[in-house]
């Protein structure tokens, strides 16, 4: 399982957001990219997208990560 957790904070705007990505294999050999986002400290919105291969799911995950980093999100280890 692949997991990426990002956060964005801007205290002046009272902005405290998170975005996380999971890559998981399905029961039938397919792969899913699970995304969750929302305000830090509260449950977020969840969306699951399905892909035919792990490589496709990883590429989609990396693209989303790069897009979020351009918007000011930073990885939390």
N, C-alpha and C. Protein backbone atom coordinates (compact mmCIF):
# COMPACT_ATOMS: atom_id res chain seq x y z
N UNK A 1 0.84 -1.18 0.00
CA UNK A 1 0.00 0.00 0.00
C UNK A 1 0.88 1.24 0.00
N UNK A 2 0.54 2.18 -0.83
CA UNK A 2 1.25 3.44 -0.96
C UNK A 2 0.43 4.53 -0.27
N UNK A 3 1.05 5.39 0.51
CA UNK A 3 0.32 6.41 1.25
C UNK A 3 1.07 7.73 1.20
N UNK A 4 0.37 8.81 0.86
CA UNK A 4 0.93 10.16 0.85
C UNK A 4 -0.01 11.05 1.65
N UNK A 5 0.54 11.81 2.58
CA UNK A 5 -0.27 12.73 3.40
C UNK A 5 0.30 14.14 3.25
N UNK A 6 -0.54 15.08 2.84
CA UNK A 6 -0.15 16.47 2.61
C UNK A 6 -1.00 17.40 3.48
N UNK A 7 -0.40 18.51 3.88
CA UNK A 7 -1.14 19.54 4.62
C UNK A 7 -0.81 20.91 4.07
N UNK A 8 -1.76 21.81 4.23
CA UNK A 8 -1.57 23.21 3.85
C UNK A 8 -2.12 24.08 4.98
N UNK A 9 -1.29 25.01 5.44
CA UNK A 9 -1.70 25.89 6.53
C UNK A 9 -1.45 27.35 6.15
N UNK A 10 -2.41 28.19 6.44
CA UNK A 10 -2.29 29.63 6.28
C UNK A 10 -3.08 30.26 7.43
N UNK A 11 -2.41 30.53 8.56
CA UNK A 11 -3.11 31.04 9.74
C UNK A 11 -3.84 32.37 9.49
N UNK A 12 -3.31 33.21 8.61
CA UNK A 12 -3.95 34.49 8.33
C UNK A 12 -5.34 34.30 7.72
N UNK A 13 -5.52 33.25 6.95
CA UNK A 13 -6.81 32.96 6.32
C UNK A 13 -7.59 31.87 7.06
N UNK A 14 -7.08 31.44 8.22
CA UNK A 14 -7.68 30.35 8.99
C UNK A 14 -7.84 29.10 8.11
N UNK A 15 -6.80 28.81 7.34
CA UNK A 15 -6.81 27.70 6.40
C UNK A 15 -5.92 26.58 6.93
N UNK A 16 -6.53 25.46 7.23
CA UNK A 16 -5.80 24.28 7.73
C UNK A 16 -6.41 23.06 7.04
N UNK A 17 -5.80 22.63 5.93
CA UNK A 17 -6.36 21.59 5.09
C UNK A 17 -5.42 20.38 5.01
N UNK A 18 -6.01 19.23 4.72
CA UNK A 18 -5.20 18.03 4.48
C UNK A 18 -5.67 17.36 3.20
N UNK A 19 -4.80 16.56 2.63
CA UNK A 19 -5.10 15.79 1.42
C UNK A 19 -4.26 14.53 1.51
N UNK A 20 -4.89 13.38 1.45
CA UNK A 20 -4.12 12.14 1.50
C UNK A 20 -4.52 11.20 0.38
N UNK A 21 -3.55 10.39 -0.04
CA UNK A 21 -3.71 9.47 -1.15
C UNK A 21 -3.27 8.07 -0.72
N UNK A 22 -4.08 7.08 -1.05
CA UNK A 22 -3.75 5.68 -0.79
C UNK A 22 -3.86 4.92 -2.11
N UNK A 23 -2.96 4.00 -2.36
CA UNK A 23 -3.08 3.08 -3.49
C UNK A 23 -3.24 1.68 -2.92
N UNK A 24 -4.34 1.01 -3.34
CA UNK A 24 -4.63 -0.32 -2.81
C UNK A 24 -5.10 -1.24 -3.94
N UNK A 25 -4.82 -2.51 -3.79
CA UNK A 25 -5.26 -3.49 -4.78
C UNK A 25 -6.67 -3.95 -4.45
N UNK A 26 -7.50 -4.10 -5.49
CA UNK A 26 -8.86 -4.60 -5.33
C UNK A 26 -8.89 -6.11 -5.30
N UNK A 27 -10.07 -6.65 -5.10
CA UNK A 27 -10.24 -8.10 -5.01
C UNK A 27 -10.03 -8.81 -6.35
N UNK A 28 -10.22 -8.11 -7.44
CA UNK A 28 -10.17 -8.75 -8.75
C UNK A 28 -8.95 -8.36 -9.56
N UNK A 29 -7.87 -7.94 -8.89
CA UNK A 29 -6.63 -7.61 -9.56
C UNK A 29 -6.55 -6.18 -10.06
N UNK A 30 -7.60 -5.41 -9.86
CA UNK A 30 -7.56 -4.01 -10.25
C UNK A 30 -6.96 -3.18 -9.11
N UNK A 31 -6.71 -1.91 -9.37
CA UNK A 31 -6.07 -1.05 -8.38
C UNK A 31 -6.90 0.20 -8.17
N UNK A 32 -6.92 0.68 -6.93
CA UNK A 32 -7.68 1.89 -6.65
C UNK A 32 -6.78 2.97 -6.06
N UNK A 33 -7.12 4.20 -6.38
CA UNK A 33 -6.50 5.37 -5.78
C UNK A 33 -7.58 6.01 -4.92
N UNK A 34 -7.37 5.96 -3.62
CA UNK A 34 -8.33 6.52 -2.67
C UNK A 34 -7.81 7.88 -2.23
N UNK A 35 -8.66 8.90 -2.39
CA UNK A 35 -8.29 10.26 -2.00
C UNK A 35 -9.20 10.72 -0.89
N UNK A 36 -8.63 11.40 0.09
CA UNK A 36 -9.42 12.01 1.17
C UNK A 36 -8.89 13.41 1.38
N UNK A 37 -9.81 14.37 1.51
CA UNK A 37 -9.40 15.76 1.72
C UNK A 37 -10.42 16.47 2.58
N UNK A 38 -9.95 17.54 3.24
CA UNK A 38 -10.84 18.34 4.07
C UNK A 38 -10.05 19.19 5.04
N UNK A 39 -10.75 19.70 6.05
CA UNK A 39 -10.12 20.52 7.09
C UNK A 39 -9.38 19.61 8.06
N UNK A 40 -8.17 19.98 8.42
CA UNK A 40 -7.36 19.17 9.34
C UNK A 40 -8.10 19.01 10.66
N UNK A 41 -8.11 17.80 11.18
CA UNK A 41 -8.76 17.52 12.45
C UNK A 41 -10.21 17.08 12.32
N UNK A 42 -10.74 17.04 11.12
CA UNK A 42 -12.11 16.59 10.94
C UNK A 42 -12.15 15.55 9.82
N UNK A 43 -13.23 14.75 9.77
CA UNK A 43 -13.31 13.76 8.69
C UNK A 43 -13.42 14.47 7.34
N UNK A 44 -12.86 13.87 6.34
CA UNK A 44 -12.84 14.50 5.03
C UNK A 44 -13.76 13.82 4.04
N UNK A 45 -13.75 14.34 2.85
CA UNK A 45 -14.47 13.76 1.73
C UNK A 45 -13.59 12.67 1.13
N UNK A 46 -14.20 11.55 0.76
CA UNK A 46 -13.43 10.41 0.22
C UNK A 46 -13.92 10.12 -1.20
N UNK A 47 -12.96 9.87 -2.07
CA UNK A 47 -13.27 9.47 -3.45
C UNK A 47 -12.33 8.34 -3.84
N UNK A 48 -12.87 7.36 -4.56
CA UNK A 48 -12.07 6.21 -4.99
C UNK A 48 -12.14 6.12 -6.51
N UNK A 49 -10.97 6.07 -7.16
CA UNK A 49 -10.87 5.91 -8.60
C UNK A 49 -10.18 4.58 -8.90
N UNK A 50 -10.67 3.86 -9.91
CA UNK A 50 -10.14 2.53 -10.22
C UNK A 50 -9.27 2.57 -11.47
N UNK A 51 -8.19 1.75 -11.44
CA UNK A 51 -7.24 1.65 -12.55
C UNK A 51 -6.96 0.18 -12.84
N UNK A 52 -6.54 -0.09 -14.07
CA UNK A 52 -6.26 -1.47 -14.48
C UNK A 52 -4.95 -2.00 -13.95
N UNK A 53 -3.99 -1.10 -13.65
CA UNK A 53 -2.70 -1.55 -13.17
C UNK A 53 -2.20 -0.65 -12.04
N UNK A 54 -1.28 -1.18 -11.27
CA UNK A 54 -0.68 -0.41 -10.19
C UNK A 54 0.08 0.79 -10.74
N UNK A 55 0.74 0.61 -11.88
CA UNK A 55 1.51 1.70 -12.49
C UNK A 55 0.61 2.89 -12.84
N UNK A 56 -0.58 2.62 -13.38
CA UNK A 56 -1.52 3.69 -13.70
C UNK A 56 -1.95 4.43 -12.44
N UNK A 57 -2.23 3.70 -11.37
CA UNK A 57 -2.65 4.31 -10.11
C UNK A 57 -1.52 5.16 -9.52
N UNK A 58 -0.29 4.68 -9.62
CA UNK A 58 0.86 5.43 -9.11
C UNK A 58 1.06 6.70 -9.90
N UNK A 59 0.93 6.63 -11.23
CA UNK A 59 1.08 7.82 -12.06
C UNK A 59 0.01 8.86 -11.72
N UNK A 60 -1.22 8.42 -11.52
CA UNK A 60 -2.31 9.34 -11.16
C UNK A 60 -2.04 9.97 -9.79
N UNK A 61 -1.53 9.17 -8.86
CA UNK A 61 -1.20 9.66 -7.52
C UNK A 61 -0.11 10.72 -7.57
N UNK A 62 0.93 10.46 -8.35
CA UNK A 62 2.03 11.42 -8.47
C UNK A 62 1.57 12.73 -9.10
N UNK A 63 0.71 12.63 -10.11
CA UNK A 63 0.19 13.84 -10.75
C UNK A 63 -0.62 14.68 -9.74
N UNK A 64 -1.46 14.02 -8.96
CA UNK A 64 -2.24 14.74 -7.95
C UNK A 64 -1.33 15.36 -6.89
N UNK A 65 -0.30 14.61 -6.48
CA UNK A 65 0.63 15.13 -5.47
C UNK A 65 1.33 16.39 -5.99
N UNK A 66 1.81 16.35 -7.22
CA UNK A 66 2.47 17.51 -7.80
C UNK A 66 1.52 18.70 -7.92
N UNK A 67 0.28 18.46 -8.34
CA UNK A 67 -0.71 19.53 -8.43
C UNK A 67 -0.96 20.17 -7.07
N UNK A 68 -1.07 19.35 -6.04
CA UNK A 68 -1.32 19.88 -4.69
C UNK A 68 -0.11 20.64 -4.16
N UNK A 69 1.10 20.16 -4.45
CA UNK A 69 2.29 20.87 -3.99
C UNK A 69 2.41 22.23 -4.66
N UNK A 70 1.97 22.35 -5.91
CA UNK A 70 1.97 23.66 -6.59
C UNK A 70 1.01 24.63 -5.90
N UNK A 71 -0.02 24.08 -5.25
CA UNK A 71 -1.00 24.92 -4.56
C UNK A 71 -0.63 25.21 -3.11
N UNK A 72 0.55 24.75 -2.68
CA UNK A 72 1.02 25.07 -1.35
C UNK A 72 0.96 23.96 -0.33
N UNK A 73 0.49 22.77 -0.71
CA UNK A 73 0.48 21.64 0.21
C UNK A 73 1.89 21.10 0.36
N UNK A 74 2.20 20.60 1.55
CA UNK A 74 3.52 20.03 1.83
C UNK A 74 3.36 18.65 2.47
N UNK A 75 4.24 17.74 2.13
CA UNK A 75 4.20 16.39 2.68
C UNK A 75 4.53 16.41 4.17
N UNK A 76 3.77 15.63 4.92
CA UNK A 76 3.99 15.47 6.36
C UNK A 76 4.47 14.05 6.57
N UNK A 77 5.60 13.90 7.22
CA UNK A 77 6.17 12.56 7.41
C UNK A 77 5.79 12.02 8.75
